């Protein structure tokens, strides 16, 4: 998944993602850490690199981000090894897609999740 596309197509959601990453980093370091320590960590691991990693390598963190903003995604393995996803606040909505791989399904679900969150933030 391309960070630039997410940033361009969903600017409010992307900005909120950056804030969420910064807050999560602070929480992981512990509440006793001061702002200078967080800045040092962010120098070693720049925000853009963290987000690129989340979007391309460790997409599970994106699900946490979307969950945190009440956009819930359920990935389903359906008949004949195909994958689909449901998205919404009750996960009883329509299923989307017939994907051959879980990764492909997750990427489409995340894009739709960003689209929904963008509309919520308007």
PDB file of N, CA and C in Angstrom:
ATOM      1  N   UNK A   1       0.846  -1.167   0.000  1.00  0.00           N
ATOM      2  CA  UNK A   1       0.000   0.000   0.000  1.00  0.00           C
ATOM      3  C   UNK A   1       0.893   1.233   0.000  1.00  0.00           C
ATOM      4  N   UNK A   2       0.497   2.226  -0.741  1.00  0.00           N
ATOM      5  CA  UNK A   2       1.328   3.392  -0.956  1.00  0.00           C
ATOM      6  C   UNK A   2       0.970   4.516   0.022  1.00  0.00           C
ATOM      7  N   UNK A   3       1.939   4.941   0.813  1.00  0.00           N
ATOM      8  CA  UNK A   3       1.735   6.006   1.794  1.00  0.00           C
ATOM      9  C   UNK A   3       1.314   7.302   1.117  1.00  0.00           C
ATOM     10  N   UNK A   4       1.923   7.605  -0.020  1.00  0.00           N
ATOM     11  CA  UNK A   4       1.615   8.841  -0.726  1.00  0.00           C
ATOM     12  C   UNK A   4       0.160   8.877  -1.164  1.00  0.00           C
ATOM     13  N   UNK A   5      -0.361   7.742  -1.641  1.00  0.00           N
ATOM     14  CA  UNK A   5      -1.771   7.684  -2.044  1.00  0.00           C
ATOM     15  C   UNK A   5      -2.694   7.916  -0.855  1.00  0.00           C
ATOM     16  N   UNK A   6      -2.383   7.294   0.265  1.00  0.00           N
ATOM     17  CA  UNK A   6      -3.196   7.476   1.471  1.00  0.00           C
ATOM     18  C   UNK A   6      -3.151   8.941   1.904  1.00  0.00           C
ATOM     19  N   UNK A   7      -1.968   9.511   1.927  1.00  0.00           N
ATOM     20  CA  UNK A   7      -1.799  10.905   2.349  1.00  0.00           C
ATOM     21  C   UNK A   7      -2.561  11.850   1.415  1.00  0.00           C
ATOM     22  N   UNK A   8      -2.496  11.589   0.122  1.00  0.00           N
ATOM     23  CA  UNK A   8      -3.142  12.453  -0.874  1.00  0.00           C
ATOM     24  C   UNK A   8      -4.663  12.298  -0.873  1.00  0.00           C
ATOM     25  N   UNK A   9      -5.140  11.056  -0.829  1.00  0.00           N
ATOM     26  CA  UNK A   9      -6.573  10.795  -0.960  1.00  0.00           C
ATOM     27  C   UNK A   9      -7.359  10.964   0.336  1.00  0.00           C
ATOM     28  N   UNK A  10      -6.681  10.829   1.470  1.00  0.00           N
ATOM     29  CA  UNK A  10      -7.356  10.891   2.771  1.00  0.00           C
ATOM     30  C   UNK A  10      -6.572  11.785   3.727  1.00  0.00           C
ATOM     31  N   UNK A  11      -6.443  13.069   3.415  1.00  0.00           N
ATOM     32  CA  UNK A  11      -5.547  13.941   4.193  1.00  0.00           C
ATOM     33  C   UNK A  11      -5.923  14.073   5.670  1.00  0.00           C
ATOM     34  N   UNK A  12      -7.202  14.140   5.985  1.00  0.00           N
ATOM     35  CA  UNK A  12      -7.604  14.272   7.394  1.00  0.00           C
ATOM     36  C   UNK A  12      -7.305  12.988   8.160  1.00  0.00           C
ATOM     37  N   UNK A  13      -7.598  11.866   7.539  1.00  0.00           N
ATOM     38  CA  UNK A  13      -7.319  10.571   8.175  1.00  0.00           C
ATOM     39  C   UNK A  13      -5.819  10.375   8.350  1.00  0.00           C
ATOM     40  N   UNK A  14      -5.039  10.805   7.368  1.00  0.00           N
ATOM     41  CA  UNK A  14      -3.586  10.663   7.438  1.00  0.00           C
ATOM     42  C   UNK A  14      -3.021  11.545   8.557  1.00  0.00           C
ATOM     43  N   UNK A  15      -3.519  12.763   8.661  1.00  0.00           N
ATOM     44  CA  UNK A  15      -3.060  13.658   9.721  1.00  0.00           C
ATOM     45  C   UNK A  15      -3.385  13.071  11.097  1.00  0.00           C
ATOM     46  N   UNK A  16      -4.576  12.513  11.216  1.00  0.00           N
ATOM     47  CA  UNK A  16      -4.966  11.871  12.472  1.00  0.00           C
ATOM     48  C   UNK A  16      -4.094  10.646  12.757  1.00  0.00           C
ATOM     49  N   UNK A  17      -3.718   9.926  11.707  1.00  0.00           N
ATOM     50  CA  UNK A  17      -2.817   8.779  11.865  1.00  0.00           C
ATOM     51  C   UNK A  17      -1.475   9.228  12.441  1.00  0.00           C
ATOM     52  N   UNK A  18      -0.948  10.327  11.937  1.00  0.00           N
ATOM     53  CA  UNK A  18       0.320  10.841  12.461  1.00  0.00           C
ATOM     54  C   UNK A  18       0.199  11.167  13.949  1.00  0.00           C
ATOM     55  N   UNK A  19      -0.890  11.786  14.334  1.00  0.00           N
ATOM     56  CA  UNK A  19      -1.103  12.103  15.754  1.00  0.00           C
ATOM     57  C   UNK A  19      -1.218  10.830  16.581  1.00  0.00           C
ATOM     58  N   UNK A  20      -1.915   9.837  16.031  1.00  0.00           N
ATOM     59  CA  UNK A  20      -2.092   8.565  16.725  1.00  0.00           C
ATOM     60  C   UNK A  20      -0.748   7.861  16.921  1.00  0.00           C
ATOM     61  N   UNK A  21       0.104   7.890  15.888  1.00  0.00           N
ATOM     62  CA  UNK A  21       1.433   7.262  15.987  1.00  0.00           C
ATOM     63  C   UNK A  21       2.255   7.967  17.069  1.00  0.00           C
ATOM     64  N   UNK A  22       2.224   9.285  17.079  1.00  0.00           N
ATOM     65  CA  UNK A  22       2.978  10.034  18.097  1.00  0.00           C
ATOM     66  C   UNK A  22       2.469   9.697  19.499  1.00  0.00           C
ATOM     67  N   UNK A  23       1.167   9.646  19.664  1.00  0.00           N
ATOM     68  CA  UNK A  23       0.580   9.326  20.962  1.00  0.00           C
ATOM     69  C   UNK A  23       0.909   7.896  21.379  1.00  0.00           C
ATOM     70  N   UNK A  24       0.819   6.971  20.433  1.00  0.00           N
ATOM     71  CA  UNK A  24       1.134   5.568  20.712  1.00  0.00           C
ATOM     72  C   UNK A  24       2.598   5.411  21.105  1.00  0.00           C
ATOM     73  N   UNK A  25       3.468   6.147  20.424  1.00  0.00           N
ATOM     74  CA  UNK A  25       4.900   6.112  20.749  1.00  0.00           C
ATOM     75  C   UNK A  25       5.115   6.594  22.183  1.00  0.00           C
ATOM     76  N   UNK A  26       4.453   7.670  22.542  1.00  0.00           N
ATOM     77  CA  UNK A  26       4.568   8.200  23.909  1.00  0.00           C
ATOM     78  C   UNK A  26       4.086   7.162  24.922  1.00  0.00           C
ATOM     79  N   UNK A  27       2.954   6.519  24.621  1.00  0.00           N
ATOM     80  CA  UNK A  27       2.408   5.513  25.543  1.00  0.00           C
ATOM     81  C   UNK A  27       3.333   4.308  25.672  1.00  0.00           C
ATOM     82  N   UNK A  28       3.939   3.891  24.559  1.00  0.00           N
ATOM     83  CA  UNK A  28       4.850   2.749  24.606  1.00  0.00           C
ATOM     84  C   UNK A  28       6.088   3.053  25.434  1.00  0.00           C
ATOM     85  N   UNK A  29       6.524   4.308  25.380  1.00  0.00           N
ATOM     86  CA  UNK A  29       7.717   4.701  26.131  1.00  0.00           C
ATOM     87  C   UNK A  29       7.405   4.863  27.608  1.00  0.00           C
ATOM     88  N   UNK A  30       6.155   5.039  27.915  1.00  0.00           N
ATOM     89  CA  UNK A  30       5.768   5.239  29.308  1.00  0.00           C
ATOM     90  C   UNK A  30       5.455   6.691  29.575  1.00  0.00           C
ATOM     91  N   UNK A  31       4.545   6.902  30.445  1.00  0.00           N
ATOM     92  CA  UNK A  31       4.091   8.255  30.734  1.00  0.00           C
ATOM     93  C   UNK A  31       5.152   9.096  31.434  1.00  0.00           C
ATOM     94  N   UNK A  32       6.173   8.457  32.001  1.00  0.00           N
ATOM     95  CA  UNK A  32       7.207   9.200  32.711  1.00  0.00           C
ATOM     96  C   UNK A  32       8.252   9.806  31.779  1.00  0.00           C
ATOM     97  N   UNK A  33       8.260   9.376  30.540  1.00  0.00           N
ATOM     98  CA  UNK A  33       9.241   9.907  29.598  1.00  0.00           C
ATOM     99  C   UNK A  33       8.874  11.338  29.222  1.00  0.00           C
ATOM    100  N   UNK A  34       9.888  12.177  29.124  1.00  0.00           N
ATOM    101  CA  UNK A  34       9.603  13.562  28.773  1.00  0.00           C
ATOM    102  C   UNK A  34       9.570  13.745  27.257  1.00  0.00           C
ATOM    103  N   UNK A  35       9.150  14.909  26.827  1.00  0.00           N
ATOM    104  CA  UNK A  35       8.989  15.198  25.401  1.00  0.00           C
ATOM    105  C   UNK A  35      10.313  15.081  24.654  1.00  0.00           C
ATOM    106  N   UNK A  36      11.411  15.418  25.306  1.00  0.00           N
ATOM    107  CA  UNK A  36      12.713  15.345  24.650  1.00  0.00           C
ATOM    108  C   UNK A  36      13.060  13.896  24.297  1.00  0.00           C
ATOM    109  N   UNK A  37      12.753  12.976  25.184  1.00  0.00           N
ATOM    110  CA  UNK A  37      13.020  11.557  24.916  1.00  0.00           C
ATOM    111  C   UNK A  37      12.194  11.069  23.733  1.00  0.00           C
ATOM    112  N   UNK A  38      10.945  11.503  23.668  1.00  0.00           N
ATOM    113  CA  UNK A  38      10.087  11.114  22.540  1.00  0.00           C
ATOM    114  C   UNK A  38      10.655  11.688  21.246  1.00  0.00           C
ATOM    115  N   UNK A  39      11.114  12.914  21.280  1.00  0.00           N
ATOM    116  CA  UNK A  39      11.707  13.533  20.090  1.00  0.00           C
ATOM    117  C   UNK A  39      12.940  12.765  19.630  1.00  0.00           C
ATOM    118  N   UNK A  40      13.735  12.289  20.567  1.00  0.00           N
ATOM    119  CA  UNK A  40      14.924  11.510  20.209  1.00  0.00           C
ATOM    120  C   UNK A  40      14.537  10.204  19.512  1.00  0.00           C
ATOM    121  N   UNK A  41      13.510   9.552  20.033  1.00  0.00           N
ATOM    122  CA  UNK A  41      13.035   8.318  19.396  1.00  0.00           C
ATOM    123  C   UNK A  41      12.529   8.619  17.995  1.00  0.00           C
ATOM    124  N   UNK A  42      11.801   9.730  17.841  1.00  0.00           N
ATOM    125  CA  UNK A  42      11.250  10.087  16.546  1.00  0.00           C
ATOM    126  C   UNK A  42      12.346  10.466  15.551  1.00  0.00           C
ATOM    127  N   UNK A  43      13.484  10.936  16.040  1.00  0.00           N
ATOM    128  CA  UNK A  43      14.625  11.196  15.143  1.00  0.00           C
ATOM    129  C   UNK A  43      15.190   9.886  14.617  1.00  0.00           C
ATOM    130  N   UNK A  44      15.265   8.893  15.490  1.00  0.00           N
ATOM    131  CA  UNK A  44      15.798   7.590  15.079  1.00  0.00           C
ATOM    132  C   UNK A  44      14.833   6.880  14.139  1.00  0.00           C
ATOM    133  N   UNK A  45      13.545   7.060  14.373  1.00  0.00           N
ATOM    134  CA  UNK A  45      12.502   6.424  13.569  1.00  0.00           C
ATOM    135  C   UNK A  45      11.523   7.507  13.117  1.00  0.00           C
ATOM    136  N   UNK A  46      11.842   8.209  12.023  1.00  0.00           N
ATOM    137  CA  UNK A  46      10.979   9.317  11.589  1.00  0.00           C
ATOM    138  C   UNK A  46       9.541   8.865  11.341  1.00  0.00           C
ATOM    139  N   UNK A  47       8.621   9.773  11.596  1.00  0.00           N
ATOM    140  CA  UNK A  47       7.191   9.500  11.454  1.00  0.00           C
ATOM    141  C   UNK A  47       6.869   8.886  10.094  1.00  0.00           C
ATOM    142  N   UNK A  48       7.412   9.463   9.041  1.00  0.00           N
ATOM    143  CA  UNK A  48       7.111   8.970   7.692  1.00  0.00           C
ATOM    144  C   UNK A  48       7.567   7.518   7.522  1.00  0.00           C
ATOM    145  N   UNK A  49       8.698   7.172   8.089  1.00  0.00           N
ATOM    146  CA  UNK A  49       9.196   5.797   7.990  1.00  0.00           C
ATOM    147  C   UNK A  49       8.312   4.837   8.782  1.00  0.00           C
ATOM    148  N   UNK A  50       7.856   5.276   9.945  1.00  0.00           N
ATOM    149  CA  UNK A  50       6.965   4.441  10.756  1.00  0.00           C
ATOM    150  C   UNK A  50       5.671   4.175   9.996  1.00  0.00           C
ATOM    151  N   UNK A  51       5.103   5.214   9.424  1.00  0.00           N
ATOM    152  CA  UNK A  51       3.844   5.060   8.700  1.00  0.00           C
ATOM    153  C   UNK A  51       4.033   4.213   7.446  1.00  0.00           C
ATOM    154  N   UNK A  52       5.124   4.405   6.733  1.00  0.00           N
ATOM    155  CA  UNK A  52       5.398   3.564   5.561  1.00  0.00           C
ATOM    156  C   UNK A  52       5.474   2.094   5.960  1.00  0.00           C
ATOM    157  N   UNK A  53       6.118   1.817   7.081  1.00  0.00           N
ATOM    158  CA  UNK A  53       6.219   0.452   7.573  1.00  0.00           C
ATOM    159  C   UNK A  53       4.844  -0.103   7.941  1.00  0.00           C
ATOM    160  N   UNK A  54       4.044   0.719   8.597  1.00  0.00           N
ATOM    161  CA  UNK A  54       2.701   0.281   8.982  1.00  0.00           C
ATOM    162  C   UNK A  54       1.852  -0.057   7.762  1.00  0.00           C
ATOM    163  N   UNK A  55       1.987   0.723   6.709  1.00  0.00           N
ATOM    164  CA  UNK A  55       1.161   0.522   5.520  1.00  0.00           C
ATOM    165  C   UNK A  55       1.664  -0.606   4.629  1.00  0.00           C
ATOM    166  N   UNK A  56       2.957  -0.880   4.676  1.00  0.00           N
ATOM    167  CA  UNK A  56       3.492  -1.876   3.741  1.00  0.00           C
ATOM    168  C   UNK A  56       3.891  -3.190   4.393  1.00  0.00           C
ATOM    169  N   UNK A  57       4.324  -3.149   5.649  1.00  0.00           N
ATOM    170  CA  UNK A  57       4.853  -4.350   6.282  1.00  0.00           C
ATOM    171  C   UNK A  57       3.970  -4.825   7.430  1.00  0.00           C
ATOM    172  N   UNK A  58       3.590  -3.923   8.300  1.00  0.00           N
ATOM    173  CA  UNK A  58       2.868  -4.293   9.511  1.00  0.00           C
ATOM    174  C   UNK A  58       1.482  -3.649   9.523  1.00  0.00           C
ATOM    175  N   UNK A  59       0.623  -4.109   8.640  1.00  0.00           N
ATOM    176  CA  UNK A  59      -0.693  -3.490   8.494  1.00  0.00           C
ATOM    177  C   UNK A  59      -1.600  -3.715   9.698  1.00  0.00           C
ATOM    178  N   UNK A  60      -1.273  -4.645  10.544  1.00  0.00           N
ATOM    179  CA  UNK A  60      -2.106  -4.906  11.727  1.00  0.00           C
ATOM    180  C   UNK A  60      -2.255  -3.642  12.582  1.00  0.00           C
ATOM    181  N   UNK A  61      -1.218  -2.810  12.624  1.00  0.00           N
ATOM    182  CA  UNK A  61      -1.304  -1.577  13.402  1.00  0.00           C
ATOM    183  C   UNK A  61      -2.330  -0.613  12.819  1.00  0.00           C
ATOM    184  N   UNK A  62      -2.533  -0.657  11.518  1.00  0.00           N
ATOM    185  CA  UNK A  62      -3.544   0.192  10.890  1.00  0.00           C
ATOM    186  C   UNK A  62      -4.934  -0.225  11.354  1.00  0.00           C
ATOM    187  N   UNK A  63      -5.149  -1.541  11.534  1.00  0.00           N
ATOM    188  CA  UNK A  63      -6.432  -1.996  12.062  1.00  0.00           C
ATOM    189  C   UNK A  63      -6.653  -1.442  13.464  1.00  0.00           C
ATOM    190  N   UNK A  64      -5.605  -1.407  14.285  1.00  0.00           N
ATOM    191  CA  UNK A  64      -5.722  -0.826  15.628  1.00  0.00           C
ATOM    192  C   UNK A  64      -6.113   0.652  15.541  1.00  0.00           C
ATOM    193  N   UNK A  65      -5.465   1.364  14.641  1.00  0.00           N
ATOM    194  CA  UNK A  65      -5.768   2.788  14.435  1.00  0.00           C
ATOM    195  C   UNK A  65      -7.228   2.985  14.032  1.00  0.00           C
ATOM    196  N   UNK A  66      -7.678   2.207  13.052  1.00  0.00           N
ATOM    197  CA  UNK A  66      -9.062   2.342  12.595  1.00  0.00           C
ATOM    198  C   UNK A  66     -10.044   1.935  13.700  1.00  0.00           C
ATOM    199  N   UNK A  67      -9.735   0.856  14.419  1.00  0.00           N
ATOM    200  CA  UNK A  67     -10.579   0.447  15.557  1.00  0.00           C
ATOM    201  C   UNK A  67     -10.721   1.595  16.557  1.00  0.00           C
ATOM    202  N   UNK A  68      -9.601   2.250  16.816  1.00  0.00           N
ATOM    203  CA  UNK A  68      -9.578   3.349  17.779  1.00  0.00           C
ATOM    204  C   UNK A  68     -10.510   4.489  17.366  1.00  0.00           C
ATOM    205  N   UNK A  69     -10.819   4.547  16.077  1.00  0.00           N
ATOM    206  CA  UNK A  69     -11.702   5.594  15.557  1.00  0.00           C
ATOM    207  C   UNK A  69     -13.044   5.020  15.074  1.00  0.00           C
ATOM    208  N   UNK A  70     -13.404   3.870  15.652  1.00  0.00           N
ATOM    209  CA  UNK A  70     -14.708   3.237  15.430  1.00  0.00           C
ATOM    210  C   UNK A  70     -14.978   2.846  13.980  1.00  0.00           C
ATOM    211  N   UNK A  71     -13.934   2.485  13.267  1.00  0.00           N
ATOM    212  CA  UNK A  71     -14.069   1.906  11.930  1.00  0.00           C
ATOM    213  C   UNK A  71     -13.547   0.483  12.061  1.00  0.00           C
ATOM    214  N   UNK A  72     -14.465  -0.461  12.156  1.00  0.00           N
ATOM    215  CA  UNK A  72     -14.104  -1.849  12.441  1.00  0.00           C
ATOM    216  C   UNK A  72     -14.129  -2.688  11.169  1.00  0.00           C
ATOM    217  N   UNK A  73     -13.085  -3.462  10.984  1.00  0.00           N
ATOM    218  CA  UNK A  73     -12.933  -4.298   9.798  1.00  0.00           C
ATOM    219  C   UNK A  73     -12.804  -5.748  10.235  1.00  0.00           C
ATOM    220  N   UNK A  74     -13.526  -6.598   9.550  1.00  0.00           N
ATOM    221  CA  UNK A  74     -13.441  -8.032   9.789  1.00  0.00           C
ATOM    222  C   UNK A  74     -13.016  -8.700   8.486  1.00  0.00           C
ATOM    223  N   UNK A  75     -11.910  -9.431   8.524  1.00  0.00           N
ATOM    224  CA  UNK A  75     -11.418 -10.172   7.365  1.00  0.00           C
ATOM    225  C   UNK A  75     -11.951 -11.592   7.467  1.00  0.00           C
ATOM    226  N   UNK A  76     -12.503 -12.087   6.373  1.00  0.00           N
ATOM    227  CA  UNK A  76     -13.126 -13.414   6.360  1.00  0.00           C
ATOM    228  C   UNK A  76     -12.507 -14.293   5.282  1.00  0.00           C
ATOM    229  N   UNK A  77     -12.247 -15.528   5.640  1.00  0.00           N
ATOM    230  CA  UNK A  77     -11.880 -16.510   4.623  1.00  0.00           C
ATOM    231  C   UNK A  77     -13.172 -17.199   4.218  1.00  0.00           C
ATOM    232  N   UNK A  78     -13.485 -17.123   2.949  1.00  0.00           N
ATOM    233  CA  UNK A  78     -14.748 -17.683   2.469  1.00  0.00           C
ATOM    234  C   UNK A  78     -14.489 -18.919   1.625  1.00  0.00           C
ATOM    235  N   UNK A  79     -15.527 -19.490   1.147  1.00  0.00           N
ATOM    236  CA  UNK A  79     -15.484 -20.716   0.357  1.00  0.00           C
ATOM    237  C   UNK A  79     -14.404 -20.680  -0.718  1.00  0.00           C
ATOM    238  N   UNK A  80     -13.734 -21.795  -0.916  1.00  0.00           N
ATOM    239  CA  UNK A  80     -12.698 -21.997  -1.938  1.00  0.00           C
ATOM    240  C   UNK A  80     -11.455 -21.137  -1.707  1.00  0.00           C
ATOM    241  N   UNK A  81     -11.208 -20.786  -0.474  1.00  0.00           N
ATOM    242  CA  UNK A  81      -9.973 -20.075  -0.165  1.00  0.00           C
ATOM    243  C   UNK A  81      -9.949 -18.612  -0.539  1.00  0.00           C
ATOM    244  N   UNK A  82     -11.076 -18.073  -0.927  1.00  0.00           N
ATOM    245  CA  UNK A  82     -11.123 -16.657  -1.225  1.00  0.00           C
ATOM    246  C   UNK A  82     -11.298 -15.861   0.060  1.00  0.00           C
ATOM    247  N   UNK A  83     -10.966 -14.591  -0.007  1.00  0.00           N
ATOM    248  CA  UNK A  83     -11.035 -13.712   1.155  1.00  0.00           C
ATOM    249  C   UNK A  83     -12.003 -12.569   0.873  1.00  0.00           C
ATOM    250  N   UNK A  84     -12.672 -12.102   1.912  1.00  0.00           N
ATOM    251  CA  UNK A  84     -13.539 -10.937   1.814  1.00  0.00           C
ATOM    252  C   UNK A  84     -13.430 -10.161   3.122  1.00  0.00           C
ATOM    253  N   UNK A  85     -14.050  -8.986   3.139  1.00  0.00           N
ATOM    254  CA  UNK A  85     -14.050  -8.216   4.377  1.00  0.00           C
ATOM    255  C   UNK A  85     -15.410  -7.565   4.598  1.00  0.00           C
ATOM    256  N   UNK A  86     -15.711  -7.318   5.857  1.00  0.00           N
ATOM    257  CA  UNK A  86     -16.872  -6.542   6.274  1.00  0.00           C
ATOM    258  C   UNK A  86     -16.336  -5.318   6.990  1.00  0.00           C
ATOM    259  N   UNK A  87     -17.070  -4.246   6.910  1.00  0.00           N
ATOM    260  CA  UNK A  87     -16.607  -3.028   7.549  1.00  0.00           C
ATOM    261  C   UNK A  87     -17.809  -2.283   8.120  1.00  0.00           C
ATOM    262  N   UNK A  88     -17.657  -1.763   9.318  1.00  0.00           N
ATOM    263  CA  UNK A  88     -18.733  -1.019   9.951  1.00  0.00           C
ATOM    264  C   UNK A  88     -18.649  -1.097  11.457  1.00  0.00           C
ATOM    265  N   UNK A  89     -19.682  -0.582  12.115  1.00  0.00           N
ATOM    266  CA  UNK A  89     -19.642  -0.581  13.568  1.00  0.00           C
ATOM    267  C   UNK A  89     -20.251  -1.835  14.172  1.00  0.00           C
ATOM    268  N   UNK A  90     -20.953  -2.629  13.356  1.00  0.00           N
ATOM    269  CA  UNK A  90     -21.521  -3.856  13.908  1.00  0.00           C
ATOM    270  C   UNK A  90     -21.067  -5.108  13.150  1.00  0.00           C
ATOM    271  N   UNK A  91     -20.310  -4.924  12.089  1.00  0.00           N
ATOM    272  CA  UNK A  91     -19.736  -6.004  11.277  1.00  0.00           C
ATOM    273  C   UNK A  91     -20.781  -6.967  10.718  1.00  0.00           C
ATOM    274  N   UNK A  92     -22.026  -6.503  10.664  1.00  0.00           N
ATOM    275  CA  UNK A  92     -23.064  -7.320  10.059  1.00  0.00           C
ATOM    276  C   UNK A  92     -23.442  -6.778   8.688  1.00  0.00           C
ATOM    277  N   UNK A  93     -22.656  -5.849   8.196  1.00  0.00           N
ATOM    278  CA  UNK A  93     -22.951  -5.237   6.910  1.00  0.00           C
ATOM    279  C   UNK A  93     -22.540  -6.115   5.748  1.00  0.00           C
ATOM    280  N   UNK A  94     -22.560  -5.512   4.607  1.00  0.00           N
ATOM    281  CA  UNK A  94     -22.235  -6.205   3.371  1.00  0.00           C
ATOM    282  C   UNK A  94     -20.781  -6.652   3.358  1.00  0.00           C
ATOM    283  N   UNK A  95     -20.557  -7.807   2.764  1.00  0.00           N
ATOM    284  CA  UNK A  95     -19.186  -8.276   2.556  1.00  0.00           C
ATOM    285  C   UNK A  95     -18.693  -7.741   1.219  1.00  0.00           C
ATOM    286  N   UNK A  96     -17.409  -7.431   1.191  1.00  0.00           N
ATOM    287  CA  UNK A  96     -16.812  -6.868  -0.010  1.00  0.00           C
ATOM    288  C   UNK A  96     -15.741  -7.795  -0.552  1.00  0.00           C
ATOM    289  N   UNK A  97     -15.719  -7.947  -1.844  1.00  0.00           N
ATOM    290  CA  UNK A  97     -14.601  -8.554  -2.538  1.00  0.00           C
ATOM    291  C   UNK A  97     -14.548 -10.054  -2.533  1.00  0.00           C
ATOM    292  N   UNK A  98     -13.787 -10.513  -3.486  1.00  0.00           N
ATOM    293  CA  UNK A  98     -13.381 -11.913  -3.595  1.00  0.00           C
ATOM    294  C   UNK A  98     -11.901 -11.869  -3.941  1.00  0.00           C
ATOM    295  N   UNK A  99     -11.090 -11.888  -2.928  1.00  0.00           N
ATOM    296  CA  UNK A  99      -9.648 -11.731  -3.094  1.00  0.00           C
ATOM    297  C   UNK A  99      -8.962 -13.082  -2.964  1.00  0.00           C
ATOM    298  N   UNK A 100      -7.899 -13.261  -3.726  1.00  0.00           N
ATOM    299  CA  UNK A 100      -7.174 -14.525  -3.695  1.00  0.00           C
ATOM    300  C   UNK A 100      -6.236 -14.635  -2.501  1.00  0.00           C
ATOM    301  N   UNK A 101      -5.787 -13.497  -1.973  1.00  0.00           N
ATOM    302  CA  UNK A 101      -4.885 -13.520  -0.818  1.00  0.00           C
ATOM    303  C   UNK A 101      -5.420 -12.634   0.303  1.00  0.00           C
ATOM    304  N   UNK A 102      -5.045 -12.981   1.505  1.00  0.00           N
ATOM    305  CA  UNK A 102      -5.442 -12.178   2.666  1.00  0.00           C
ATOM    306  C   UNK A 102      -4.852 -10.773   2.576  1.00  0.00           C
ATOM    307  N   UNK A 103      -3.588 -10.667   2.167  1.00  0.00           N
ATOM    308  CA  UNK A 103      -2.927  -9.369   2.089  1.00  0.00           C
ATOM    309  C   UNK A 103      -3.664  -8.432   1.135  1.00  0.00           C
ATOM    310  N   UNK A 104      -4.044  -8.958  -0.021  1.00  0.00           N
ATOM    311  CA  UNK A 104      -4.780  -8.159  -0.990  1.00  0.00           C
ATOM    312  C   UNK A 104      -6.119  -7.688  -0.392  1.00  0.00           C
ATOM    313  N   UNK A 105      -6.793  -8.575   0.303  1.00  0.00           N
ATOM    314  CA  UNK A 105      -8.057  -8.249   0.953  1.00  0.00           C
ATOM    315  C   UNK A 105      -7.855  -7.175   2.023  1.00  0.00           C
ATOM    316  N   UNK A 106      -6.834  -7.338   2.846  1.00  0.00           N
ATOM    317  CA  UNK A 106      -6.561  -6.369   3.903  1.00  0.00           C
ATOM    318  C   UNK A 106      -6.261  -4.991   3.338  1.00  0.00           C
ATOM    319  N   UNK A 107      -5.503  -4.938   2.249  1.00  0.00           N
ATOM    320  CA  UNK A 107      -5.170  -3.651   1.646  1.00  0.00           C
ATOM    321  C   UNK A 107      -6.420  -2.921   1.164  1.00  0.00           C
ATOM    322  N   UNK A 108      -7.318  -3.639   0.522  1.00  0.00           N
ATOM    323  CA  UNK A 108      -8.565  -3.018   0.062  1.00  0.00           C
ATOM    324  C   UNK A 108      -9.428  -2.586   1.238  1.00  0.00           C
ATOM    325  N   UNK A 109      -9.490  -3.399   2.265  1.00  0.00           N
ATOM    326  CA  UNK A 109     -10.274  -3.065   3.453  1.00  0.00           C
ATOM    327  C   UNK A 109      -9.721  -1.810   4.122  1.00  0.00           C
ATOM    328  N   UNK A 110      -8.417  -1.711   4.206  1.00  0.00           N
ATOM    329  CA  UNK A 110      -7.794  -0.538   4.833  1.00  0.00           C
ATOM    330  C   UNK A 110      -8.087   0.714   4.020  1.00  0.00           C
ATOM    331  N   UNK A 111      -7.994   0.623   2.701  1.00  0.00           N
ATOM    332  CA  UNK A 111      -8.324   1.790   1.869  1.00  0.00           C
ATOM    333  C   UNK A 111      -9.761   2.235   2.115  1.00  0.00           C
ATOM    334  N   UNK A 112     -10.671   1.291   2.171  1.00  0.00           N
ATOM    335  CA  UNK A 112     -12.064   1.637   2.431  1.00  0.00           C
ATOM    336  C   UNK A 112     -12.209   2.203   3.845  1.00  0.00           C
ATOM    337  N   UNK A 113     -11.460   1.647   4.798  1.00  0.00           N
ATOM    338  CA  UNK A 113     -11.492   2.177   6.157  1.00  0.00           C
ATOM    339  C   UNK A 113     -11.048   3.626   6.213  1.00  0.00           C
ATOM    340  N   UNK A 114      -9.983   3.957   5.496  1.00  0.00           N
ATOM    341  CA  UNK A 114      -9.529   5.348   5.432  1.00  0.00           C
ATOM    342  C   UNK A 114     -10.590   6.225   4.782  1.00  0.00           C
ATOM    343  N   UNK A 115     -11.238   5.724   3.754  1.00  0.00           N
ATOM    344  CA  UNK A 115     -12.288   6.493   3.079  1.00  0.00           C
ATOM    345  C   UNK A 115     -13.445   6.791   4.027  1.00  0.00           C
ATOM    346  N   UNK A 116     -13.868   5.785   4.790  1.00  0.00           N
ATOM    347  CA  UNK A 116     -14.959   5.978   5.756  1.00  0.00           C
ATOM    348  C   UNK A 116     -14.543   6.971   6.834  1.00  0.00           C
ATOM    349  N   UNK A 117     -13.334   6.816   7.368  1.00  0.00           N
ATOM    350  CA  UNK A 117     -12.871   7.719   8.410  1.00  0.00           C
ATOM    351  C   UNK A 117     -12.781   9.155   7.870  1.00  0.00           C
ATOM    352  N   UNK A 118     -12.339   9.305   6.637  1.00  0.00           N
ATOM    353  CA  UNK A 118     -12.245  10.633   6.023  1.00  0.00           C
ATOM    354  C   UNK A 118     -13.624  11.301   6.013  1.00  0.00           C
ATOM    355  N   UNK A 119     -14.667  10.545   5.682  1.00  0.00           N
ATOM    356  CA  UNK A 119     -16.022  11.092   5.656  1.00  0.00           C
ATOM    357  C   UNK A 119     -16.485  11.459   7.063  1.00  0.00           C
ATOM    358  N   UNK A 120     -16.124  10.654   8.041  1.00  0.00           N
ATOM    359  CA  UNK A 120     -16.475  10.939   9.437  1.00  0.00           C
ATOM    360  C   UNK A 120     -15.830  12.256   9.886  1.00  0.00           C
ATOM    361  N   UNK A 121     -14.604  12.486   9.441  1.00  0.00           N
ATOM    362  CA  UNK A 121     -13.843  13.671   9.877  1.00  0.00           C
ATOM    363  C   UNK A 121     -14.241  14.963   9.166  1.00  0.00           C
ATOM    364  N   UNK A 122     -15.059  14.853   8.134  1.00  0.00           N
ATOM    365  CA  UNK A 122     -15.466  16.066   7.394  1.00  0.00           C
ATOM    366  C   UNK A 122     -16.364  16.956   8.208  1.00  0.00           C
TER     367      UNK A 122
END
